[in-house]
Amino acid sequence: MIDKKRKTRIYSQYEIKVINFYATMIWLLPIILVVTYVFEIDQKLNINQFIFWLAIANFILTLIGTGVLLFQRDLLKRRVKADYQNEFVYLLFICSFGVLGLVVIYDYMGGNRQYIANVLVVVVAVLIYILLNLNRKFFKYDYMKKK
């Protein structure tokens, strides 16, 4: 008899690409703000207007990307890999720069710089919990495996 608790589902590339795409779209605005902070573009622009237009462009890109994903859905649902190591590393990279972007947003919006570390600890703890659960359920990347 097959134990139903041990039955693991293998996810197609469609589900993985959807997770990575929406994570990228969520973190795109903070990542771009990291670039503006590093190159001091905020000194030349009105940062509030820039964030507004960047949010609109991000929304439009999300709609276009959703359409492309839905268009390729049947093709991507037929592709399966045993593990999605590269995709998970990409997700880690995007999330780490996104957290930096949240710090930049906090600074741009006039937050007290003394509390950036407190906000950062909470955000990183929640993000690590989410990433570990996503890895366990979807990506199946064993990061504790010895080589």
Protein backbone atom coordinates (compact mmCIF):
# COMPACT_ATOMS: atom_id res chain seq x y z
CA MET A 1 0.00 0.00 0.00
CA ILE A 2 1.30 3.44 -0.91
CA ASP A 3 1.76 5.87 1.94
CA LYS A 4 -0.04 9.06 0.91
CA LYS A 5 1.91 11.24 3.32
CA ARG A 6 5.22 10.42 1.64
CA LYS A 7 3.94 11.02 -1.87
CA THR A 8 5.78 14.06 -3.19
CA ARG A 9 4.48 15.98 -6.12
CA ILE A 10 6.87 17.08 -8.85
CA TYR A 11 6.04 20.51 -10.14
CA SER A 12 6.29 21.59 -13.75
CA GLN A 13 8.33 24.49 -15.02
CA TYR A 14 5.16 26.55 -15.27
CA GLU A 15 4.65 26.66 -11.51
CA ILE A 16 8.31 27.45 -10.90
CA LYS A 17 8.36 30.21 -13.52
CA VAL A 18 5.19 31.70 -12.04
CA ILE A 19 6.78 31.82 -8.58
CA ASN A 20 10.00 33.35 -9.91
CA PHE A 21 8.19 35.84 -12.14
CA TYR A 22 5.90 37.21 -9.43
CA ALA A 23 8.74 37.31 -6.92
CA THR A 24 10.75 39.29 -9.45
CA MET A 25 7.87 41.68 -10.06
CA ILE A 26 7.33 42.20 -6.32
CA TRP A 27 11.02 42.94 -5.74
CA LEU A 28 11.66 44.87 -9.00
CA LEU A 29 10.80 48.29 -7.62
CA PRO A 30 13.06 47.93 -4.54
CA ILE A 31 15.90 46.55 -6.68
CA ILE A 32 15.75 49.51 -9.06
CA LEU A 33 15.72 51.84 -6.07
CA VAL A 34 18.95 50.20 -4.85
CA VAL A 35 20.53 51.18 -8.17
CA THR A 36 19.25 54.76 -7.86
CA TYR A 37 20.65 54.93 -4.33
CA VAL A 38 24.07 53.56 -5.30
CA PHE A 39 24.51 55.91 -8.26
CA GLU A 40 22.86 58.86 -6.43
CA ILE A 41 20.22 59.33 -9.10
CA ASP A 42 17.85 60.42 -6.33
CA GLN A 43 19.76 63.71 -6.12
CA LYS A 44 18.80 64.58 -9.71
CA LEU A 45 15.17 63.38 -9.67
CA ASN A 46 12.10 63.85 -7.55
CA ILE A 47 12.16 60.43 -5.92
CA ASN A 48 8.42 60.35 -5.17
CA GLN A 49 7.53 60.91 -8.82
CA PHE A 50 10.15 58.38 -9.86
CA ILE A 51 8.69 55.75 -7.52
CA PHE A 52 5.19 56.51 -8.84
CA TRP A 53 6.17 56.05 -12.50
CA LEU A 54 8.28 53.04 -11.61
CA ALA A 55 5.30 51.42 -9.88
CA ILE A 56 3.14 52.02 -12.97
CA ALA A 57 5.82 50.53 -15.24
CA ASN A 58 6.16 47.59 -12.87
CA PHE A 59 2.39 46.99 -13.01
CA ILE A 60 2.41 47.11 -16.82
CA LEU A 61 5.34 44.66 -16.95
CA THR A 62 3.45 42.37 -14.58
CA LEU A 63 0.41 42.37 -16.87
CA ILE A 64 2.54 41.68 -19.95
CA GLY A 65 4.47 38.91 -18.19
CA THR A 66 1.27 37.33 -16.93
CA GLY A 67 -0.02 37.26 -20.49
CA VAL A 68 3.18 35.64 -21.75
CA LEU A 69 3.08 33.04 -18.96
CA LEU A 70 -0.54 32.21 -19.73
CA PHE A 71 0.30 31.98 -23.43
CA GLN A 72 3.13 29.49 -22.75
CA ARG A 73 1.22 27.59 -20.06
CA ASP A 74 0.58 24.40 -22.02
CA LEU A 75 4.17 24.13 -23.20
CA LEU A 76 5.65 24.79 -19.77
CA LYS A 77 3.28 22.41 -17.98
CA ARG A 78 4.78 19.53 -20.01
CA ARG A 79 8.36 20.28 -18.89
CA VAL A 80 9.52 18.83 -15.60
CA LYS A 81 12.88 18.74 -13.84
CA ALA A 82 13.87 16.70 -10.79
CA ASP A 83 15.04 19.75 -8.90
CA TYR A 84 15.13 23.44 -9.62
CA GLN A 85 18.46 24.47 -8.14
CA ASN A 86 19.23 27.33 -10.54
CA GLU A 87 15.74 28.75 -10.18
CA PHE A 88 15.99 28.69 -6.39
CA VAL A 89 19.39 30.43 -6.44
CA TYR A 90 17.85 33.09 -8.72
CA LEU A 91 15.02 33.53 -6.21
CA LEU A 92 17.53 33.92 -3.36
CA PHE A 93 19.45 36.53 -5.36
CA ILE A 94 16.31 38.52 -6.18
CA CYS A 95 15.06 38.40 -2.60
CA SER A 96 18.37 39.50 -1.12
CA PHE A 97 18.56 42.58 -3.34
CA GLY A 98 14.88 43.20 -2.68
CA VAL A 99 15.54 43.37 1.05
CA LEU A 100 18.25 45.94 0.38
CA GLY A 101 15.69 47.82 -1.66
CA LEU A 102 13.25 47.84 1.24
CA VAL A 103 15.93 49.51 3.34
CA VAL A 104 16.37 52.12 0.61
CA ILE A 105 12.59 52.68 0.45
CA TYR A 106 12.54 53.08 4.22
CA ASP A 107 15.28 55.69 3.94
CA TYR A 108 13.62 57.51 1.00
CA MET A 109 10.29 57.70 2.82
CA GLY A 110 11.90 59.48 5.75
CA GLY A 111 12.16 56.64 8.23
CA ASN A 112 14.41 57.05 11.22
CA ARG A 113 17.78 55.48 10.37
CA GLN A 114 18.17 54.16 13.90
CA TYR A 115 15.37 51.65 13.30
CA ILE A 116 16.52 50.28 9.93
CA ALA A 117 18.19 47.29 11.62
CA ASN A 118 14.99 46.47 13.56
CA VAL A 119 12.88 46.53 10.42
CA LEU A 120 15.51 44.56 8.52
CA VAL A 121 15.63 41.76 11.10
CA VAL A 122 11.86 41.26 10.95
CA VAL A 123 11.75 41.34 7.14
CA VAL A 124 14.67 38.91 6.80
CA ALA A 125 13.15 36.49 9.33
CA VAL A 126 9.84 36.41 7.47
CA LEU A 127 11.60 36.11 4.11
CA ILE A 128 13.77 33.20 5.26
CA TYR A 129 10.69 31.39 6.54
CA ILE A 130 8.89 31.91 3.21
CA LEU A 131 11.92 30.84 1.15
CA LEU A 132 12.49 27.68 3.20
CA ASN A 133 8.85 26.67 2.79
CA LEU A 134 8.91 27.43 -0.94
CA ASN A 135 12.08 25.37 -1.30
CA ARG A 136 10.64 22.47 0.64
CA LYS A 137 7.41 22.40 -1.36
CA PHE A 138 8.32 23.48 -4.90
CA PHE A 139 12.04 23.65 -5.64
CA LYS A 140 13.27 20.47 -3.93
CA TYR A 141 16.79 21.85 -3.67
CA ASP A 142 18.71 20.12 -0.89
CA TYR A 143 21.00 22.86 0.41
CA MET A 144 22.18 20.74 3.37
CA LYS A 145 23.48 17.88 1.21
CA LYS A 146 27.18 17.06 1.56
CA LYS A 147 29.16 16.56 -1.61
